[in-house]
Amino acid sequence: MSSWNKQIARLFTEHKKALEAFVARRTGSTQVAADLTQESFLRLARLPADKQIDNLPAFLFTIASNLVRDHQRQAIRRERLDGGEPSEELASEAPGADDQLAAQQEQALMQAAIQSLPEATRHIFLLYHVDGCTYREIGERLRVTPRSVEYQLRRALLDCRAFIQARLAGDARGQRP
């Protein structure tokens, strides 16, 4: 028996029960646990004998964990496919037309709020939120202190919030301010 096979046999003897218990906890089935444990050892045994693995037990448990994950995904797929009578309306993960319209309206409202900011404040706001610059980077670019940048950003958020609230209050009354 080769050295690799001896290592696998020793690993099987020492870790089979613990691995089955590990898999059973995750799957809730002793039969599935037995099958996945066996498959874990088979996959490990199929690796080339010259493959360098620092921690065989940990590697074995990783293989088993991946097999459990695959098994659970397949079970979910089977459940979806066999999930009873097909409904007339197929569920979609894509947002519906109402959700898309609401998102577009929110985006337009936010853009209008940003456009309503004074030019210097808007510039700082965009540098921070769009370009991802830090207070210090913005301060160096515009020759202002980071504290001033912080103040302008706080002011921008308050102004945007007020703009949006005013716009929404006007829409609720049937008018646009």
N, C-alpha and C. Protein backbone atom coordinates (compact mmCIF):
# COMPACT_ATOMS: atom_id res chain seq x y z
N MET A 1 0.85 -1.16 0.00
CA MET A 1 0.00 0.00 0.00
C MET A 1 0.90 1.24 0.00
N SER A 2 0.58 2.20 -0.87
CA SER A 2 1.42 3.39 -0.98
C SER A 2 1.24 4.29 0.25
N SER A 3 2.15 5.22 0.39
CA SER A 3 2.12 6.14 1.52
C SER A 3 0.83 6.97 1.50
N TRP A 4 0.42 7.42 0.33
CA TRP A 4 -0.79 8.23 0.18
C TRP A 4 -2.01 7.42 0.62
N ASN A 5 -2.09 6.17 0.17
CA ASN A 5 -3.22 5.32 0.57
C ASN A 5 -3.22 5.06 2.07
N LYS A 6 -2.04 4.93 2.66
CA LYS A 6 -1.96 4.73 4.10
C LYS A 6 -2.47 5.97 4.84
N GLN A 7 -2.12 7.15 4.32
CA GLN A 7 -2.59 8.39 4.94
C GLN A 7 -4.12 8.48 4.87
N ILE A 8 -4.69 8.12 3.71
CA ILE A 8 -6.14 8.16 3.54
C ILE A 8 -6.79 7.16 4.49
N ALA A 9 -6.24 5.95 4.58
CA ALA A 9 -6.80 4.92 5.46
C ALA A 9 -6.75 5.38 6.92
N ARG A 10 -5.64 5.98 7.34
CA ARG A 10 -5.51 6.48 8.71
C ARG A 10 -6.51 7.61 8.96
N LEU A 11 -6.63 8.50 7.98
CA LEU A 11 -7.57 9.60 8.08
C LEU A 11 -9.01 9.08 8.21
N PHE A 12 -9.32 8.05 7.42
CA PHE A 12 -10.64 7.45 7.46
C PHE A 12 -10.93 6.88 8.85
N THR A 13 -10.00 6.16 9.38
CA THR A 13 -10.16 5.54 10.70
C THR A 13 -10.33 6.60 11.78
N GLU A 14 -9.54 7.66 11.72
CA GLU A 14 -9.54 8.66 12.78
C GLU A 14 -10.67 9.69 12.68
N HIS A 15 -11.15 9.96 11.46
CA HIS A 15 -12.06 11.10 11.29
C HIS A 15 -13.41 10.77 10.68
N LYS A 16 -13.67 9.54 10.32
CA LYS A 16 -14.92 9.20 9.65
C LYS A 16 -16.14 9.57 10.50
N LYS A 17 -16.15 9.16 11.75
CA LYS A 17 -17.32 9.42 12.61
C LYS A 17 -17.53 10.92 12.83
N ALA A 18 -16.46 11.64 13.07
CA ALA A 18 -16.58 13.09 13.29
C ALA A 18 -17.07 13.78 12.02
N LEU A 19 -16.57 13.32 10.87
CA LEU A 19 -16.99 13.93 9.61
C LEU A 19 -18.46 13.64 9.35
N GLU A 20 -18.90 12.41 9.60
CA GLU A 20 -20.31 12.07 9.40
C GLU A 20 -21.20 12.90 10.32
N ALA A 21 -20.78 13.08 11.55
CA ALA A 21 -21.56 13.89 12.49
C ALA A 21 -21.63 15.34 12.02
N PHE A 22 -20.52 15.85 11.53
CA PHE A 22 -20.45 17.22 11.00
C PHE A 22 -21.43 17.39 9.85
N VAL A 23 -21.41 16.46 8.92
CA VAL A 23 -22.28 16.54 7.75
C VAL A 23 -23.74 16.33 8.16
N ALA A 24 -24.00 15.41 9.08
CA ALA A 24 -25.37 15.14 9.53
C ALA A 24 -25.97 16.39 10.18
N ARG A 25 -25.17 17.12 10.96
CA ARG A 25 -25.67 18.36 11.58
C ARG A 25 -26.08 19.37 10.53
N ARG A 26 -25.34 19.41 9.46
CA ARG A 26 -25.62 20.40 8.42
C ARG A 26 -26.74 19.98 7.48
N THR A 27 -26.92 18.69 7.27
CA THR A 27 -27.95 18.23 6.33
C THR A 27 -29.21 17.75 7.02
N GLY A 28 -29.09 17.34 8.29
CA GLY A 28 -30.24 16.81 8.99
C GLY A 28 -30.59 15.38 8.60
N SER A 29 -29.69 14.70 7.91
CA SER A 29 -29.96 13.34 7.46
C SER A 29 -28.71 12.48 7.63
N THR A 30 -28.86 11.37 8.34
CA THR A 30 -27.72 10.47 8.51
C THR A 30 -27.38 9.75 7.21
N GLN A 31 -28.40 9.46 6.38
CA GLN A 31 -28.15 8.79 5.10
C GLN A 31 -27.35 9.71 4.16
N VAL A 32 -27.77 10.96 4.06
CA VAL A 32 -27.04 11.92 3.22
C VAL A 32 -25.64 12.12 3.80
N ALA A 33 -25.54 12.15 5.12
CA ALA A 33 -24.23 12.32 5.76
C ALA A 33 -23.30 11.18 5.40
N ALA A 34 -23.80 9.96 5.42
CA ALA A 34 -22.97 8.81 5.06
C ALA A 34 -22.51 8.91 3.60
N ASP A 35 -23.43 9.27 2.72
CA ASP A 35 -23.08 9.39 1.30
C ASP A 35 -22.04 10.50 1.06
N LEU A 36 -22.26 11.65 1.66
CA LEU A 36 -21.35 12.77 1.44
C LEU A 36 -19.99 12.54 2.11
N THR A 37 -19.99 11.83 3.22
CA THR A 37 -18.72 11.49 3.87
C THR A 37 -17.91 10.57 2.97
N GLN A 38 -18.58 9.58 2.42
CA GLN A 38 -17.89 8.65 1.51
C GLN A 38 -17.37 9.40 0.29
N GLU A 39 -18.19 10.29 -0.25
CA GLU A 39 -17.76 11.07 -1.42
C GLU A 39 -16.57 11.98 -1.07
N SER A 40 -16.55 12.50 0.14
CA SER A 40 -15.42 13.34 0.58
C SER A 40 -14.12 12.56 0.57
N PHE A 41 -14.16 11.35 1.12
CA PHE A 41 -12.96 10.52 1.14
C PHE A 41 -12.55 10.11 -0.29
N LEU A 42 -13.54 9.84 -1.14
CA LEU A 42 -13.22 9.47 -2.52
C LEU A 42 -12.53 10.63 -3.26
N ARG A 43 -13.05 11.82 -3.07
CA ARG A 43 -12.44 12.99 -3.73
C ARG A 43 -11.02 13.22 -3.23
N LEU A 44 -10.83 13.03 -1.94
CA LEU A 44 -9.49 13.19 -1.38
C LEU A 44 -8.56 12.11 -1.95
N ALA A 45 -9.04 10.89 -2.04
CA ALA A 45 -8.23 9.78 -2.55
C ALA A 45 -7.88 9.95 -4.02
N ARG A 46 -8.72 10.65 -4.77
CA ARG A 46 -8.46 10.85 -6.21
C ARG A 46 -7.40 11.91 -6.48
N LEU A 47 -7.07 12.69 -5.47
CA LEU A 47 -6.04 13.71 -5.66
C LEU A 47 -4.70 13.03 -5.95
N PRO A 48 -3.84 13.69 -6.70
CA PRO A 48 -2.52 13.11 -6.96
C PRO A 48 -1.75 12.92 -5.65
N ALA A 49 -1.03 11.81 -5.57
CA ALA A 49 -0.29 11.48 -4.35
C ALA A 49 0.78 12.52 -4.02
N ASP A 50 1.26 13.23 -5.04
CA ASP A 50 2.32 14.21 -4.79
C ASP A 50 1.76 15.60 -4.43
N LYS A 51 0.44 15.72 -4.33
CA LYS A 51 -0.16 17.02 -3.97
C LYS A 51 0.17 17.32 -2.52
N GLN A 52 0.71 18.49 -2.27
CA GLN A 52 1.13 18.90 -0.94
C GLN A 52 -0.07 19.51 -0.21
N ILE A 53 -0.52 18.87 0.86
CA ILE A 53 -1.62 19.38 1.69
C ILE A 53 -1.10 19.46 3.11
N ASP A 54 -1.12 20.64 3.66
CA ASP A 54 -0.55 20.86 4.99
C ASP A 54 -1.37 20.23 6.11
N ASN A 55 -2.68 20.32 6.01
CA ASN A 55 -3.54 19.83 7.08
C ASN A 55 -4.64 18.96 6.47
N LEU A 56 -4.40 17.67 6.37
CA LEU A 56 -5.34 16.76 5.71
C LEU A 56 -6.72 16.75 6.37
N PRO A 57 -6.84 16.67 7.69
CA PRO A 57 -8.19 16.68 8.27
C PRO A 57 -8.97 17.95 7.92
N ALA A 58 -8.33 19.09 8.00
CA ALA A 58 -9.01 20.34 7.67
C ALA A 58 -9.41 20.36 6.20
N PHE A 59 -8.54 19.86 5.34
CA PHE A 59 -8.85 19.79 3.91
C PHE A 59 -10.04 18.87 3.67
N LEU A 60 -10.07 17.74 4.38
CA LEU A 60 -11.18 16.79 4.25
C LEU A 60 -12.49 17.44 4.68
N PHE A 61 -12.49 18.17 5.78
CA PHE A 61 -13.71 18.84 6.24
C PHE A 61 -14.12 19.94 5.26
N THR A 62 -13.17 20.58 4.61
CA THR A 62 -13.50 21.58 3.59
C THR A 62 -14.18 20.92 2.41
N ILE A 63 -13.66 19.78 1.98
CA ILE A 63 -14.30 19.04 0.89
C ILE A 63 -15.74 18.69 1.28
N ALA A 64 -15.92 18.18 2.49
CA ALA A 64 -17.26 17.80 2.96
C ALA A 64 -18.18 19.01 3.02
N SER A 65 -17.67 20.13 3.51
CA SER A 65 -18.47 21.34 3.60
C SER A 65 -18.93 21.79 2.22
N ASN A 66 -18.04 21.72 1.25
CA ASN A 66 -18.40 22.09 -0.13
C ASN A 66 -19.43 21.13 -0.69
N LEU A 67 -19.29 19.85 -0.40
CA LEU A 67 -20.28 18.86 -0.86
C LEU A 67 -21.65 19.12 -0.22
N VAL A 68 -21.66 19.47 1.06
CA VAL A 68 -22.92 19.81 1.72
C VAL A 68 -23.58 21.00 1.03
N ARG A 69 -22.78 22.02 0.76
CA ARG A 69 -23.30 23.21 0.08
C ARG A 69 -23.87 22.85 -1.28
N ASP A 70 -23.15 22.03 -2.05
CA ASP A 70 -23.65 21.60 -3.35
C ASP A 70 -24.94 20.80 -3.21
N HIS A 71 -24.97 19.91 -2.23
CA HIS A 71 -26.16 19.10 -1.99
C HIS A 71 -27.37 19.99 -1.67
N GLN A 72 -27.16 21.00 -0.83
CA GLN A 72 -28.25 21.89 -0.46
C GLN A 72 -28.73 22.71 -1.66
N ARG A 73 -27.84 23.15 -2.50
CA ARG A 73 -28.22 23.88 -3.72
C ARG A 73 -29.06 22.99 -4.63
N GLN A 74 -28.62 21.75 -4.81
CA GLN A 74 -29.36 20.83 -5.66
C GLN A 74 -30.74 20.55 -5.08
N ALA A 75 -30.84 20.43 -3.77
CA ALA A 75 -32.13 20.20 -3.13
C ALA A 75 -33.07 21.38 -3.37
N ILE A 76 -32.53 22.58 -3.29
CA ILE A 76 -33.34 23.78 -3.54
C ILE A 76 -33.81 23.78 -4.99
N ARG A 77 -32.90 23.46 -5.93
CA ARG A 77 -33.29 23.40 -7.35
C ARG A 77 -34.38 22.36 -7.57
N ARG A 78 -34.21 21.19 -6.99
CA ARG A 78 -35.21 20.13 -7.15
C ARG A 78 -36.55 20.59 -6.59
N GLU A 79 -36.51 21.24 -5.44
CA GLU A 79 -37.74 21.72 -4.82
C GLU A 79 -38.43 22.74 -5.72
N ARG A 80 -37.66 23.60 -6.31
CA ARG A 80 -38.24 24.61 -7.21
C ARG A 80 -38.84 23.95 -8.44
N LEU A 81 -38.13 22.97 -8.99
CA LEU A 81 -38.63 22.29 -10.18
C LEU A 81 -39.83 21.41 -9.89
N ASP A 82 -39.84 20.77 -8.74
CA ASP A 82 -40.92 19.85 -8.39
C ASP A 82 -41.93 20.51 -7.46
N GLY A 83 -41.89 21.80 -7.36
CA GLY A 83 -42.67 22.53 -6.36
C GLY A 83 -44.16 22.57 -6.59
N GLY A 84 -44.73 21.62 -7.24
CA GLY A 84 -46.18 21.57 -7.39
C GLY A 84 -46.63 22.10 -8.73
N GLU A 85 -47.89 22.47 -8.76
CA GLU A 85 -48.50 22.95 -10.00
C GLU A 85 -47.85 24.26 -10.44
N PRO A 86 -47.59 24.38 -11.71
CA PRO A 86 -47.04 25.66 -12.17
C PRO A 86 -48.10 26.76 -12.03
N SER A 87 -47.66 27.88 -11.55
CA SER A 87 -48.61 28.98 -11.40
C SER A 87 -48.72 29.74 -12.71
N GLU A 88 -49.83 30.43 -12.85
CA GLU A 88 -50.03 31.20 -14.07
C GLU A 88 -49.08 32.38 -14.13
N GLU A 89 -48.76 32.89 -12.94
CA GLU A 89 -47.87 34.05 -12.87
C GLU A 89 -46.54 33.58 -12.31
N LEU A 90 -45.51 33.56 -13.13
CA LEU A 90 -44.19 33.12 -12.68
C LEU A 90 -43.53 34.25 -11.90
N ALA A 91 -43.02 33.91 -10.76
CA ALA A 91 -42.33 34.90 -9.94
C ALA A 91 -41.01 35.25 -10.59
N SER A 92 -40.66 36.51 -10.53
CA SER A 92 -39.42 36.98 -11.10
C SER A 92 -38.65 37.72 -10.03
N GLU A 93 -37.34 37.54 -10.04
CA GLU A 93 -36.51 38.27 -9.08
C GLU A 93 -36.25 39.69 -9.55
N ALA A 94 -36.55 39.96 -10.81
CA ALA A 94 -36.36 41.30 -11.35
C ALA A 94 -37.42 42.22 -10.76
N PRO A 95 -37.07 43.47 -10.51
CA PRO A 95 -38.06 44.38 -9.96
C PRO A 95 -39.20 44.61 -10.97
N GLY A 96 -40.40 44.77 -10.43
CA GLY A 96 -41.55 45.01 -11.29
C GLY A 96 -41.53 46.43 -11.83
N ALA A 97 -42.49 46.70 -12.70
CA ALA A 97 -42.56 48.02 -13.33
C ALA A 97 -42.77 49.11 -12.29
N ASP A 98 -43.59 48.83 -11.26
CA ASP A 98 -43.83 49.82 -10.21
C ASP A 98 -42.54 50.14 -9.45
N ASP A 99 -41.78 49.09 -9.13
CA ASP A 99 -40.52 49.28 -8.41
C ASP A 99 -39.52 50.06 -9.26
N GLN A 100 -39.48 49.74 -10.54
CA GLN A 100 -38.55 50.44 -11.44
C GLN A 100 -38.93 51.91 -11.55
N LEU A 101 -40.23 52.19 -11.68
CA LEU A 101 -40.69 53.57 -11.78
C LEU A 101 -40.38 54.33 -10.50
N ALA A 102 -40.62 53.70 -9.35
CA ALA A 102 -40.33 54.35 -8.07
C ALA A 102 -38.84 54.65 -7.95
N ALA A 103 -38.00 53.70 -8.36
CA ALA A 103 -36.55 53.91 -8.29
C ALA A 103 -36.13 55.05 -9.20
N GLN A 104 -36.72 55.13 -10.39
CA GLN A 104 -36.38 56.22 -11.31
C GLN A 104 -36.81 57.57 -10.74
N GLN A 105 -37.98 57.59 -10.11
CA GLN A 105 -38.46 58.83 -9.52
C GLN A 105 -37.58 59.26 -8.34
N GLU A 106 -37.17 58.30 -7.52
CA GLU A 106 -36.28 58.61 -6.40
C GLU A 106 -34.95 59.15 -6.90
N GLN A 107 -34.44 58.53 -7.96
CA GLN A 107 -33.16 58.97 -8.52
C GLN A 107 -33.29 60.38 -9.09
N ALA A 108 -34.37 60.65 -9.79
CA ALA A 108 -34.58 61.99 -10.36
C ALA A 108 -34.72 63.02 -9.25
N LEU A 109 -35.40 62.67 -8.18
CA LEU A 109 -35.56 63.59 -7.06
C LEU A 109 -34.22 63.88 -6.39
N MET A 110 -33.41 62.84 -6.21
CA MET A 110 -32.09 63.03 -5.61
C MET A 110 -31.20 63.88 -6.51
N GLN A 111 -31.26 63.66 -7.82
CA GLN A 111 -30.46 64.47 -8.75
C GLN A 111 -30.90 65.92 -8.70
N ALA A 112 -32.21 66.16 -8.62
CA ALA A 112 -32.70 67.53 -8.52
C ALA A 112 -32.23 68.18 -7.22
N ALA A 113 -32.23 67.40 -6.14
CA ALA A 113 -31.77 67.94 -4.85
C ALA A 113 -30.29 68.32 -4.93
N ILE A 114 -29.50 67.48 -5.56
CA ILE A 114 -28.06 67.77 -5.69
C ILE A 114 -27.85 68.99 -6.58
N GLN A 115 -28.61 69.09 -7.65
CA GLN A 115 -28.48 70.24 -8.55
C GLN A 115 -28.89 71.55 -7.87
N SER A 116 -29.74 71.46 -6.84
CA SER A 116 -30.19 72.67 -6.16
C SER A 116 -29.15 73.22 -5.18
N LEU A 117 -28.11 72.43 -4.91
CA LEU A 117 -27.06 72.87 -3.98
C LEU A 117 -26.25 74.01 -4.59
N PRO A 118 -25.70 74.89 -3.76
CA PRO A 118 -24.77 75.89 -4.29
C PRO A 118 -23.59 75.18 -4.99
N GLU A 119 -23.03 75.82 -5.98
CA GLU A 119 -22.02 75.17 -6.82
C GLU A 119 -20.84 74.61 -6.02
N ALA A 120 -20.30 75.36 -5.09
CA ALA A 120 -19.14 74.89 -4.32
C ALA A 120 -19.52 73.69 -3.46
N THR A 121 -20.68 73.75 -2.84
CA THR A 121 -21.14 72.64 -2.01
C THR A 121 -21.40 71.41 -2.86
N ARG A 122 -22.02 71.61 -4.01
CA ARG A 122 -22.30 70.50 -4.94
C ARG A 122 -21.00 69.85 -5.38
N HIS A 123 -20.00 70.66 -5.66
CA HIS A 123 -18.70 70.14 -6.11
C HIS A 123 -18.07 69.26 -5.02
N ILE A 124 -18.10 69.73 -3.78
CA ILE A 124 -17.56 68.96 -2.66
C ILE A 124 -18.36 67.67 -2.47
N PHE A 125 -19.68 67.78 -2.55
CA PHE A 125 -20.56 66.62 -2.40
C PHE A 125 -20.22 65.54 -3.45
N LEU A 126 -20.06 65.95 -4.68
CA LEU A 126 -19.77 65.00 -5.76
C LEU A 126 -18.36 64.40 -5.63
N LEU A 127 -17.40 65.23 -5.23
CA LEU A 127 -16.05 64.70 -5.01
C LEU A 127 -16.06 63.61 -3.95
N TYR A 128 -16.84 63.82 -2.91
CA TYR A 128 -16.88 62.86 -1.81
C TYR A 128 -17.71 61.62 -2.17
N HIS A 129 -18.94 61.82 -2.62
CA HIS A 129 -19.87 60.71 -2.82
C HIS A 129 -19.73 60.01 -4.16
N VAL A 130 -19.26 60.69 -5.18
CA VAL A 130 -19.12 60.05 -6.49
C VAL A 130 -17.68 59.62 -6.74
N ASP A 131 -16.75 60.54 -6.52
CA ASP A 131 -15.35 60.23 -6.79
C ASP A 131 -14.67 59.49 -5.64
N GLY A 132 -15.28 59.50 -4.47
CA GLY A 132 -14.72 58.76 -3.34
C GLY A 132 -13.51 59.42 -2.70
N CYS A 133 -13.38 60.71 -2.84
CA CYS A 133 -12.24 61.42 -2.24
C CYS A 133 -12.44 61.57 -0.73
N THR A 134 -11.34 61.64 -0.01
CA THR A 134 -11.40 61.87 1.44
C THR A 134 -11.51 63.37 1.71
N TYR A 135 -11.84 63.70 2.96
CA TYR A 135 -11.92 65.11 3.34
C TYR A 135 -10.59 65.79 3.03
N ARG A 136 -9.50 65.14 3.38
CA ARG A 136 -8.18 65.73 3.18
C ARG A 136 -7.92 65.96 1.68
N GLU A 137 -8.23 64.96 0.84
CA GLU A 137 -7.99 65.10 -0.61
C GLU A 137 -8.81 66.25 -1.19
N ILE A 138 -10.07 66.34 -0.76
CA ILE A 138 -10.92 67.43 -1.25
C ILE A 138 -10.35 68.77 -0.78
N GLY A 139 -9.96 68.82 0.48
CA GLY A 139 -9.39 70.05 1.03
C GLY A 139 -8.16 70.49 0.26
N GLU A 140 -7.27 69.53 -0.06
CA GLU A 140 -6.06 69.87 -0.82
C GLU A 140 -6.41 70.36 -2.22
N ARG A 141 -7.37 69.72 -2.87
CA ARG A 141 -7.77 70.14 -4.22
C ARG A 141 -8.35 71.54 -4.24
N LEU A 142 -9.21 71.82 -3.24
CA LEU A 142 -9.93 73.09 -3.24
C LEU A 142 -9.31 74.15 -2.34
N ARG A 143 -8.19 73.78 -1.72
CA ARG A 143 -7.46 74.68 -0.82
C ARG A 143 -8.35 75.18 0.33
N VAL A 144 -9.02 74.20 0.97
CA VAL A 144 -9.80 74.49 2.16
C VAL A 144 -9.43 73.43 3.20
N THR A 145 -9.83 73.66 4.43
CA THR A 145 -9.48 72.71 5.49
C THR A 145 -10.41 71.50 5.43
N PRO A 146 -9.95 70.35 5.91
CA PRO A 146 -10.83 69.18 5.99
C PRO A 146 -12.08 69.47 6.84
N ARG A 147 -11.93 70.30 7.85
CA ARG A 147 -13.08 70.68 8.69
C ARG A 147 -14.12 71.44 7.86
N SER A 148 -13.66 72.27 6.96
CA SER A 148 -14.57 73.00 6.07
C SER A 148 -15.28 72.04 5.12
N VAL A 149 -14.55 71.05 4.65
CA VAL A 149 -15.16 70.03 3.79
C VAL A 149 -16.25 69.30 4.56
N GLU A 150 -15.95 68.93 5.80
CA GLU A 150 -16.93 68.23 6.63
C GLU A 150 -18.17 69.09 6.81
N TYR A 151 -18.00 70.36 7.07
CA TYR A 151 -19.12 71.27 7.25
C TYR A 151 -19.96 71.35 5.97
N GLN A 152 -19.29 71.50 4.84
CA GLN A 152 -20.01 71.61 3.56
C GLN A 152 -20.80 70.34 3.26
N LEU A 153 -20.22 69.17 3.57
CA LEU A 153 -20.92 67.91 3.33
C LEU A 153 -22.15 67.78 4.24
N ARG A 154 -22.00 68.17 5.49
CA ARG A 154 -23.14 68.15 6.41
C ARG A 154 -24.23 69.09 5.90
N ARG A 155 -23.81 70.25 5.47
CA ARG A 155 -24.75 71.25 4.94
C ARG A 155 -25.46 70.69 3.69
N ALA A 156 -24.70 70.03 2.83
CA ALA A 156 -25.27 69.45 1.61
C ALA A 156 -26.34 68.41 1.94
N LEU A 157 -26.05 67.55 2.90
CA LEU A 157 -27.02 66.52 3.28
C LEU A 157 -28.29 67.14 3.86
N LEU A 158 -28.12 68.15 4.71
CA LEU A 158 -29.29 68.82 5.28
C LEU A 158 -30.10 69.52 4.20
N ASP A 159 -29.43 70.19 3.26
CA ASP A 159 -30.12 70.88 2.18
C ASP A 159 -30.85 69.90 1.26
N CYS A 160 -30.18 68.77 0.96
CA CYS A 160 -30.82 67.76 0.11
C CYS A 160 -32.05 67.18 0.80
N ARG A 161 -31.93 66.88 2.09
CA ARG A 161 -33.06 66.35 2.85
C ARG A 161 -34.22 67.34 2.85
N ALA A 162 -33.92 68.61 3.07
CA ALA A 162 -34.97 69.64 3.08
C ALA A 162 -35.61 69.76 1.70
N PHE A 163 -34.82 69.73 0.66
CA PHE A 163 -35.34 69.81 -0.71
C PHE A 163 -36.30 68.66 -0.98
N ILE A 164 -35.88 67.45 -0.63
CA ILE A 164 -36.70 66.26 -0.90
C ILE A 164 -37.98 66.31 -0.08
N GLN A 165 -37.88 66.68 1.19
CA GLN A 165 -39.08 66.76 2.03
C GLN A 165 -40.06 67.79 1.49
N ALA A 166 -39.53 68.94 1.06
CA ALA A 166 -40.40 69.97 0.50
C ALA A 166 -41.05 69.48 -0.78
N ARG A 167 -40.30 68.80 -1.60
CA ARG A 167 -40.84 68.29 -2.87
C ARG A 167 -41.92 67.24 -2.60
N LEU A 168 -41.65 66.35 -1.66
CA LEU A 168 -42.63 65.31 -1.34
C LEU A 168 -43.87 65.90 -0.70
N ALA A 169 -43.70 66.90 0.15
CA ALA A 169 -44.85 67.56 0.78
C ALA A 169 -45.68 68.26 -0.28
N GLY A 170 -45.02 68.86 -1.27
CA GLY A 170 -45.74 69.53 -2.36
C GLY A 170 -46.48 68.53 -3.22
N ASP A 171 -45.88 67.35 -3.48
CA ASP A 171 -46.54 66.31 -4.27
C ASP A 171 -47.75 65.77 -3.52
N ALA A 172 -47.64 65.67 -2.19
CA ALA A 172 -48.73 65.13 -1.40
C ALA A 172 -49.95 66.06 -1.44
N ARG A 173 -49.69 67.37 -1.60
CA ARG A 173 -50.78 68.34 -1.70
C ARG A 173 -51.25 68.51 -3.14
N GLY A 174 -50.63 67.79 -4.06
CA GLY A 174 -51.03 67.89 -5.46
C GLY A 174 -50.36 69.02 -6.20
N GLN A 175 -49.28 69.53 -5.65
CA GLN A 175 -48.57 70.62 -6.32
C GLN A 175 -47.08 70.38 -6.23
N ARG A 176 -46.37 71.02 -7.07
CA ARG A 176 -44.91 70.93 -7.05
C ARG A 176 -44.35 72.28 -6.65
N PRO A 177 -43.52 72.34 -5.61
CA PRO A 177 -42.94 73.63 -5.19
C PRO A 177 -41.96 74.15 -6.21
